[in-house]
Amino acid sequence: MVEKNLTLSKLWALLRQEEKKFGLDQLSLTERDVFQSILYLLGQNKQISLQNILDSCQHSRATFFRSLKKLRKKNIIKVYKDTYDSRKSFISITKKYQ
């Protein structure tokens, strides 16, 4: 059990170190959670539908959009309107975080 805790502790420290390297340590836990959801759902794609992320997000709609706004303001993500249907939006990650 002690060895498992030590391994988990090392993993947590490595994660925090990488977050700091990219400046993600300045994000709130909710913003990190929304960003992680975007990264996970994005996979190898260049952009993902806003609706797909919203459907899979565990936070309330208001919290999600507040976090999304802050991520946009910090230039971590970009939101694009669909060229054919302006009611649809897509999200992409800025090059620094790809």
C-alpha atoms as a PDB file:
ATOM      1  CA  MET A   1       0.000   0.000   0.000  1.00  0.00           C
ATOM      2  CA  VAL A   2       2.828   2.403   0.871  1.00  0.00           C
ATOM      3  CA  GLU A   3       4.504   1.702  -2.489  1.00  0.00           C
ATOM      4  CA  LYS A   4       1.241   2.407  -4.336  1.00  0.00           C
ATOM      5  CA  ASN A   5       0.850   5.715  -2.472  1.00  0.00           C
ATOM      6  CA  LEU A   6       4.422   6.662  -3.324  1.00  0.00           C
ATOM      7  CA  THR A   7       3.842   5.900  -7.017  1.00  0.00           C
ATOM      8  CA  LEU A   8       0.638   7.920  -7.003  1.00  0.00           C
ATOM      9  CA  SER A   9       2.471  10.776  -5.299  1.00  0.00           C
ATOM     10  CA  LYS A  10       5.186  10.741  -7.981  1.00  0.00           C
ATOM     11  CA  LEU A  11       2.580  10.713 -10.729  1.00  0.00           C
ATOM     12  CA  TRP A  12       0.771  13.653  -9.134  1.00  0.00           C
ATOM     13  CA  ALA A  13       4.036  15.605  -8.823  1.00  0.00           C
ATOM     14  CA  LEU A  14       4.876  14.920 -12.480  1.00  0.00           C
ATOM     15  CA  LEU A  15       1.429  16.107 -13.547  1.00  0.00           C
ATOM     16  CA  ARG A  16       1.763  19.332 -11.548  1.00  0.00           C
ATOM     17  CA  GLN A  17       5.248  19.920 -12.987  1.00  0.00           C
ATOM     18  CA  GLU A  18       3.958  19.568 -16.559  1.00  0.00           C
ATOM     19  CA  GLU A  19       0.952  21.802 -15.834  1.00  0.00           C
ATOM     20  CA  LYS A  20       3.314  24.473 -14.531  1.00  0.00           C
ATOM     21  CA  LYS A  21       5.530  24.143 -17.613  1.00  0.00           C
ATOM     22  CA  PHE A  22       2.563  24.951 -19.865  1.00  0.00           C
ATOM     23  CA  GLY A  23       1.097  27.587 -17.538  1.00  0.00           C
ATOM     24  CA  LEU A  24      -1.955  25.481 -16.720  1.00  0.00           C
ATOM     25  CA  ASP A  25      -1.306  25.762 -12.992  1.00  0.00           C
ATOM     26  CA  GLN A  26      -2.971  29.187 -13.186  1.00  0.00           C
ATOM     27  CA  LEU A  27      -6.306  27.618 -14.156  1.00  0.00           C
ATOM     28  CA  SER A  28      -9.001  26.774 -11.639  1.00  0.00           C
ATOM     29  CA  LEU A  29      -9.849  23.114 -11.103  1.00  0.00           C
ATOM     30  CA  THR A  30     -13.038  23.550 -13.125  1.00  0.00           C
ATOM     31  CA  GLU A  31     -11.157  25.163 -16.013  1.00  0.00           C
ATOM     32  CA  ARG A  32      -8.608  22.329 -15.937  1.00  0.00           C
ATOM     33  CA  ASP A  33     -11.430  19.804 -15.938  1.00  0.00           C
ATOM     34  CA  VAL A  34     -13.138  21.404 -18.943  1.00  0.00           C
ATOM     35  CA  PHE A  35      -9.795  21.694 -20.778  1.00  0.00           C
ATOM     36  CA  GLN A  36      -9.006  18.044 -20.043  1.00  0.00           C
ATOM     37  CA  SER A  37     -12.423  17.041 -21.390  1.00  0.00           C
ATOM     38  CA  ILE A  38     -11.743  18.982 -24.579  1.00  0.00           C
ATOM     39  CA  LEU A  39      -8.327  17.356 -24.988  1.00  0.00           C
ATOM     40  CA  TYR A  40      -9.705  13.879 -24.356  1.00  0.00           C
ATOM     41  CA  LEU A  41     -12.597  14.230 -26.800  1.00  0.00           C
ATOM     42  CA  LEU A  42     -10.458  15.999 -29.381  1.00  0.00           C
ATOM     43  CA  GLY A  43      -8.118  13.027 -29.765  1.00  0.00           C
ATOM     44  CA  GLN A  44      -6.313  13.249 -33.104  1.00  0.00           C
ATOM     45  CA  ASN A  45      -8.877  15.659 -34.608  1.00  0.00           C
ATOM     46  CA  LYS A  46      -8.122  19.325 -35.235  1.00  0.00           C
ATOM     47  CA  GLN A  47     -11.463  20.526 -33.886  1.00  0.00           C
ATOM     48  CA  ILE A  48     -14.512  19.176 -32.100  1.00  0.00           C
ATOM     49  CA  SER A  49     -18.138  20.176 -31.909  1.00  0.00           C
ATOM     50  CA  LEU A  50     -19.048  22.336 -28.940  1.00  0.00           C
ATOM     51  CA  GLN A  51     -22.170  20.222 -28.460  1.00  0.00           C
ATOM     52  CA  ASN A  52     -20.086  17.017 -28.116  1.00  0.00           C
ATOM     53  CA  ILE A  53     -18.064  18.551 -25.315  1.00  0.00           C
ATOM     54  CA  LEU A  54     -21.120  20.008 -23.616  1.00  0.00           C
ATOM     55  CA  ASP A  55     -22.880  16.613 -23.709  1.00  0.00           C
ATOM     56  CA  SER A  56     -19.967  14.856 -22.028  1.00  0.00           C
ATOM     57  CA  CYS A  57     -19.182  17.554 -19.449  1.00  0.00           C
ATOM     58  CA  GLN A  58     -20.098  16.799 -15.858  1.00  0.00           C
ATOM     59  CA  HIS A  59     -20.471  20.461 -14.915  1.00  0.00           C
ATOM     60  CA  SER A  60     -23.598  22.556 -15.252  1.00  0.00           C
ATOM     61  CA  ARG A  61     -24.118  24.435 -18.497  1.00  0.00           C
ATOM     62  CA  ALA A  62     -23.413  27.808 -16.864  1.00  0.00           C
ATOM     63  CA  THR A  63     -20.200  26.573 -15.232  1.00  0.00           C
ATOM     64  CA  PHE A  64     -19.073  25.014 -18.501  1.00  0.00           C
ATOM     65  CA  PHE A  65     -19.568  28.222 -20.469  1.00  0.00           C
ATOM     66  CA  ARG A  66     -17.888  30.342 -17.773  1.00  0.00           C
ATOM     67  CA  SER A  67     -14.847  28.073 -17.919  1.00  0.00           C
ATOM     68  CA  LEU A  68     -14.906  28.060 -21.718  1.00  0.00           C
ATOM     69  CA  LYS A  69     -14.909  31.864 -21.738  1.00  0.00           C
ATOM     70  CA  LYS A  70     -11.875  31.972 -19.437  1.00  0.00           C
ATOM     71  CA  LEU A  71     -10.027  29.407 -21.576  1.00  0.00           C
ATOM     72  CA  ARG A  72     -10.715  31.555 -24.649  1.00  0.00           C
ATOM     73  CA  LYS A  73      -9.583  34.707 -22.862  1.00  0.00           C
ATOM     74  CA  LYS A  74      -6.303  32.992 -21.860  1.00  0.00           C
ATOM     75  CA  ASN A  75      -5.806  31.953 -25.516  1.00  0.00           C
ATOM     76  CA  ILE A  76      -5.831  28.229 -24.713  1.00  0.00           C
ATOM     77  CA  ILE A  77      -8.715  27.366 -27.036  1.00  0.00           C
ATOM     78  CA  LYS A  78     -10.408  28.923 -30.039  1.00  0.00           C
ATOM     79  CA  VAL A  79     -14.101  28.716 -30.914  1.00  0.00           C
ATOM     80  CA  TYR A  80     -15.197  28.782 -34.553  1.00  0.00           C
ATOM     81  CA  LYS A  81     -18.644  29.044 -36.095  1.00  0.00           C
ATOM     82  CA  ASP A  82     -19.637  26.467 -38.698  1.00  0.00           C
ATOM     83  CA  THR A  83     -19.539  27.955 -42.196  1.00  0.00           C
ATOM     84  CA  TYR A  84     -22.796  26.263 -43.205  1.00  0.00           C
ATOM     85  CA  ASP A  85     -24.815  26.492 -40.005  1.00  0.00           C
ATOM     86  CA  SER A  86     -23.914  29.434 -37.777  1.00  0.00           C
ATOM     87  CA  ARG A  87     -25.802  27.860 -34.861  1.00  0.00           C
ATOM     88  CA  LYS A  88     -23.049  25.238 -34.583  1.00  0.00           C
ATOM     89  CA  SER A  89     -19.640  25.944 -33.081  1.00  0.00           C
ATOM     90  CA  PHE A  90     -16.365  24.065 -33.068  1.00  0.00           C
ATOM     91  CA  ILE A  91     -13.459  24.204 -30.643  1.00  0.00           C
ATOM     92  CA  SER A  92      -9.769  23.811 -31.371  1.00  0.00           C
ATOM     93  CA  ILE A  93      -6.694  23.983 -29.175  1.00  0.00           C
ATOM     94  CA  THR A  94      -4.073  26.649 -29.793  1.00  0.00           C
ATOM     95  CA  LYS A  95      -0.730  25.397 -31.122  1.00  0.00           C
ATOM     96  CA  LYS A  96       1.041  25.828 -27.791  1.00  0.00           C
ATOM     97  CA  TYR A  97      -1.064  23.052 -26.227  1.00  0.00           C
ATOM     98  CA  GLN A  98      -1.175  20.598 -29.139  1.00  0.00           C
END
